[in-house]
């Protein structure tokens, strides 16, 4: 299987469509497809896409971001068991 560039024309993407999908799913690869004169589209795995959405959701929550920044500054550390206990797991 040939290595694909991360930027492809729509024609190249069509020719290699199943290889693109398999690589996106198996390797979390991302491909930008240039659609002649209309812009670009991206092919990525659902897992990667859901991760991006979750990151955007977290970073758009100002209260949560303040808590994250405060936690980073606190330098506190917890054992795995302590975290499980705090989460009730």
C-alpha atoms as a PDB file:
ATOM      1  CA  UNK A   1       0.000   0.000   0.000  1.00  0.00           C
ATOM      2  CA  UNK A   2       1.536   3.317  -1.070  1.00  0.00           C
ATOM      3  CA  UNK A   3       2.059   6.135   1.417  1.00  0.00           C
ATOM      4  CA  UNK A   4      -0.481   8.919   0.856  1.00  0.00           C
ATOM      5  CA  UNK A   5       0.222  12.632   1.167  1.00  0.00           C
ATOM      6  CA  UNK A   6      -1.703  14.434   3.876  1.00  0.00           C
ATOM      7  CA  UNK A   7      -3.034  16.892   1.244  1.00  0.00           C
ATOM      8  CA  UNK A   8      -4.781  15.426  -1.793  1.00  0.00           C
ATOM      9  CA  UNK A   9      -6.855  16.555  -4.697  1.00  0.00           C
ATOM     10  CA  UNK A  10     -10.449  15.325  -4.749  1.00  0.00           C
ATOM     11  CA  UNK A  11      -9.539  13.094  -7.675  1.00  0.00           C
ATOM     12  CA  UNK A  12      -6.660  11.458  -5.765  1.00  0.00           C
ATOM     13  CA  UNK A  13      -8.891  11.058  -2.713  1.00  0.00           C
ATOM     14  CA  UNK A  14     -11.545   9.349  -4.831  1.00  0.00           C
ATOM     15  CA  UNK A  15      -8.960   6.975  -6.313  1.00  0.00           C
ATOM     16  CA  UNK A  16      -7.621   6.080  -2.842  1.00  0.00           C
ATOM     17  CA  UNK A  17     -10.847   6.462  -0.862  1.00  0.00           C
ATOM     18  CA  UNK A  18     -10.819   3.115   0.978  1.00  0.00           C
ATOM     19  CA  UNK A  19      -7.105   3.461   1.771  1.00  0.00           C
ATOM     20  CA  UNK A  20      -7.780   6.947   3.183  1.00  0.00           C
ATOM     21  CA  UNK A  21     -10.588   5.647   5.367  1.00  0.00           C
ATOM     22  CA  UNK A  22      -8.556   2.698   6.630  1.00  0.00           C
ATOM     23  CA  UNK A  23      -5.567   4.913   7.429  1.00  0.00           C
ATOM     24  CA  UNK A  24      -7.752   7.485   9.186  1.00  0.00           C
ATOM     25  CA  UNK A  25      -9.353   4.792  11.338  1.00  0.00           C
ATOM     26  CA  UNK A  26      -6.329   2.570  12.006  1.00  0.00           C
ATOM     27  CA  UNK A  27      -3.614   5.233  12.315  1.00  0.00           C
ATOM     28  CA  UNK A  28      -5.633   8.305  13.346  1.00  0.00           C
ATOM     29  CA  UNK A  29      -4.302   9.952  10.178  1.00  0.00           C
ATOM     30  CA  UNK A  30      -5.893  13.147   8.892  1.00  0.00           C
ATOM     31  CA  UNK A  31      -6.188  14.092   5.241  1.00  0.00           C
ATOM     32  CA  UNK A  32      -7.006  17.439   3.694  1.00  0.00           C
ATOM     33  CA  UNK A  33      -8.820  17.102   0.381  1.00  0.00           C
ATOM     34  CA  UNK A  34      -8.686  20.072  -1.975  1.00  0.00           C
ATOM     35  CA  UNK A  35     -11.894  20.441  -3.925  1.00  0.00           C
ATOM     36  CA  UNK A  36     -11.081  22.425  -7.050  1.00  0.00           C
ATOM     37  CA  UNK A  37     -11.909  26.062  -6.364  1.00  0.00           C
ATOM     38  CA  UNK A  38     -14.313  25.289  -3.504  1.00  0.00           C
ATOM     39  CA  UNK A  39     -11.907  24.935  -0.586  1.00  0.00           C
ATOM     40  CA  UNK A  40     -10.850  21.971   1.483  1.00  0.00           C
ATOM     41  CA  UNK A  41     -12.470  19.136   3.394  1.00  0.00           C
ATOM     42  CA  UNK A  42     -10.892  16.909   6.025  1.00  0.00           C
ATOM     43  CA  UNK A  43     -11.058  13.144   6.432  1.00  0.00           C
ATOM     44  CA  UNK A  44     -10.345  11.844   9.941  1.00  0.00           C
ATOM     45  CA  UNK A  45     -11.532   9.042  12.191  1.00  0.00           C
ATOM     46  CA  UNK A  46     -14.637   9.444  14.310  1.00  0.00           C
ATOM     47  CA  UNK A  47     -12.467   8.869  17.390  1.00  0.00           C
ATOM     48  CA  UNK A  48     -10.222  11.802  16.444  1.00  0.00           C
ATOM     49  CA  UNK A  49     -13.226  13.994  15.573  1.00  0.00           C
ATOM     50  CA  UNK A  50     -14.924  13.283  18.912  1.00  0.00           C
ATOM     51  CA  UNK A  51     -11.679  14.171  20.700  1.00  0.00           C
ATOM     52  CA  UNK A  52     -11.533  17.516  18.892  1.00  0.00           C
ATOM     53  CA  UNK A  53     -15.160  18.250  19.790  1.00  0.00           C
ATOM     54  CA  UNK A  54     -14.536  17.408  23.442  1.00  0.00           C
ATOM     55  CA  UNK A  55     -11.459  19.641  23.530  1.00  0.00           C
ATOM     56  CA  UNK A  56     -13.450  22.528  22.057  1.00  0.00           C
ATOM     57  CA  UNK A  57     -16.213  21.980  24.601  1.00  0.00           C
ATOM     58  CA  UNK A  58     -13.754  22.007  27.497  1.00  0.00           C
ATOM     59  CA  UNK A  59     -11.812  25.047  26.311  1.00  0.00           C
ATOM     60  CA  UNK A  60     -14.993  27.027  25.736  1.00  0.00           C
ATOM     61  CA  UNK A  61     -16.130  26.496  29.355  1.00  0.00           C
ATOM     62  CA  UNK A  62     -14.556  29.448  31.212  1.00  0.00           C
ATOM     63  CA  UNK A  63     -15.279  28.079  34.705  1.00  0.00           C
ATOM     64  CA  UNK A  64     -13.743  24.723  33.878  1.00  0.00           C
ATOM     65  CA  UNK A  65     -10.682  26.344  32.302  1.00  0.00           C
ATOM     66  CA  UNK A  66     -10.137  28.439  35.455  1.00  0.00           C
ATOM     67  CA  UNK A  67     -10.265  25.252  37.530  1.00  0.00           C
ATOM     68  CA  UNK A  68      -7.829  23.506  35.199  1.00  0.00           C
ATOM     69  CA  UNK A  69      -5.392  26.430  35.336  1.00  0.00           C
ATOM     70  CA  UNK A  70      -5.664  26.576  39.136  1.00  0.00           C
ATOM     71  CA  UNK A  71      -5.021  22.839  39.359  1.00  0.00           C
ATOM     72  CA  UNK A  72      -1.954  23.176  37.128  1.00  0.00           C
ATOM     73  CA  UNK A  73      -0.563  25.872  39.436  1.00  0.00           C
ATOM     74  CA  UNK A  74      -1.314  23.957  42.657  1.00  0.00           C
ATOM     75  CA  UNK A  75       1.304  21.262  41.940  1.00  0.00           C
ATOM     76  CA  UNK A  76      -0.815  18.740  43.906  1.00  0.00           C
ATOM     77  CA  UNK A  77      -0.439  15.131  42.960  1.00  0.00           C
ATOM     78  CA  UNK A  78      -2.706  12.173  43.647  1.00  0.00           C
ATOM     79  CA  UNK A  79      -2.270   8.453  43.407  1.00  0.00           C
ATOM     80  CA  UNK A  80      -4.367   6.466  40.975  1.00  0.00           C
ATOM     81  CA  UNK A  81      -6.350   5.055  43.903  1.00  0.00           C
ATOM     82  CA  UNK A  82      -7.012   8.533  45.322  1.00  0.00           C
ATOM     83  CA  UNK A  83      -8.413   9.680  41.984  1.00  0.00           C
ATOM     84  CA  UNK A  84     -10.621   6.576  41.758  1.00  0.00           C
ATOM     85  CA  UNK A  85     -11.883   7.244  45.296  1.00  0.00           C
ATOM     86  CA  UNK A  86     -12.634  10.894  44.494  1.00  0.00           C
ATOM     87  CA  UNK A  87     -14.568   9.848  41.397  1.00  0.00           C
ATOM     88  CA  UNK A  88     -16.373   7.089  43.261  1.00  0.00           C
ATOM     89  CA  UNK A  89     -15.001   4.331  41.042  1.00  0.00           C
END
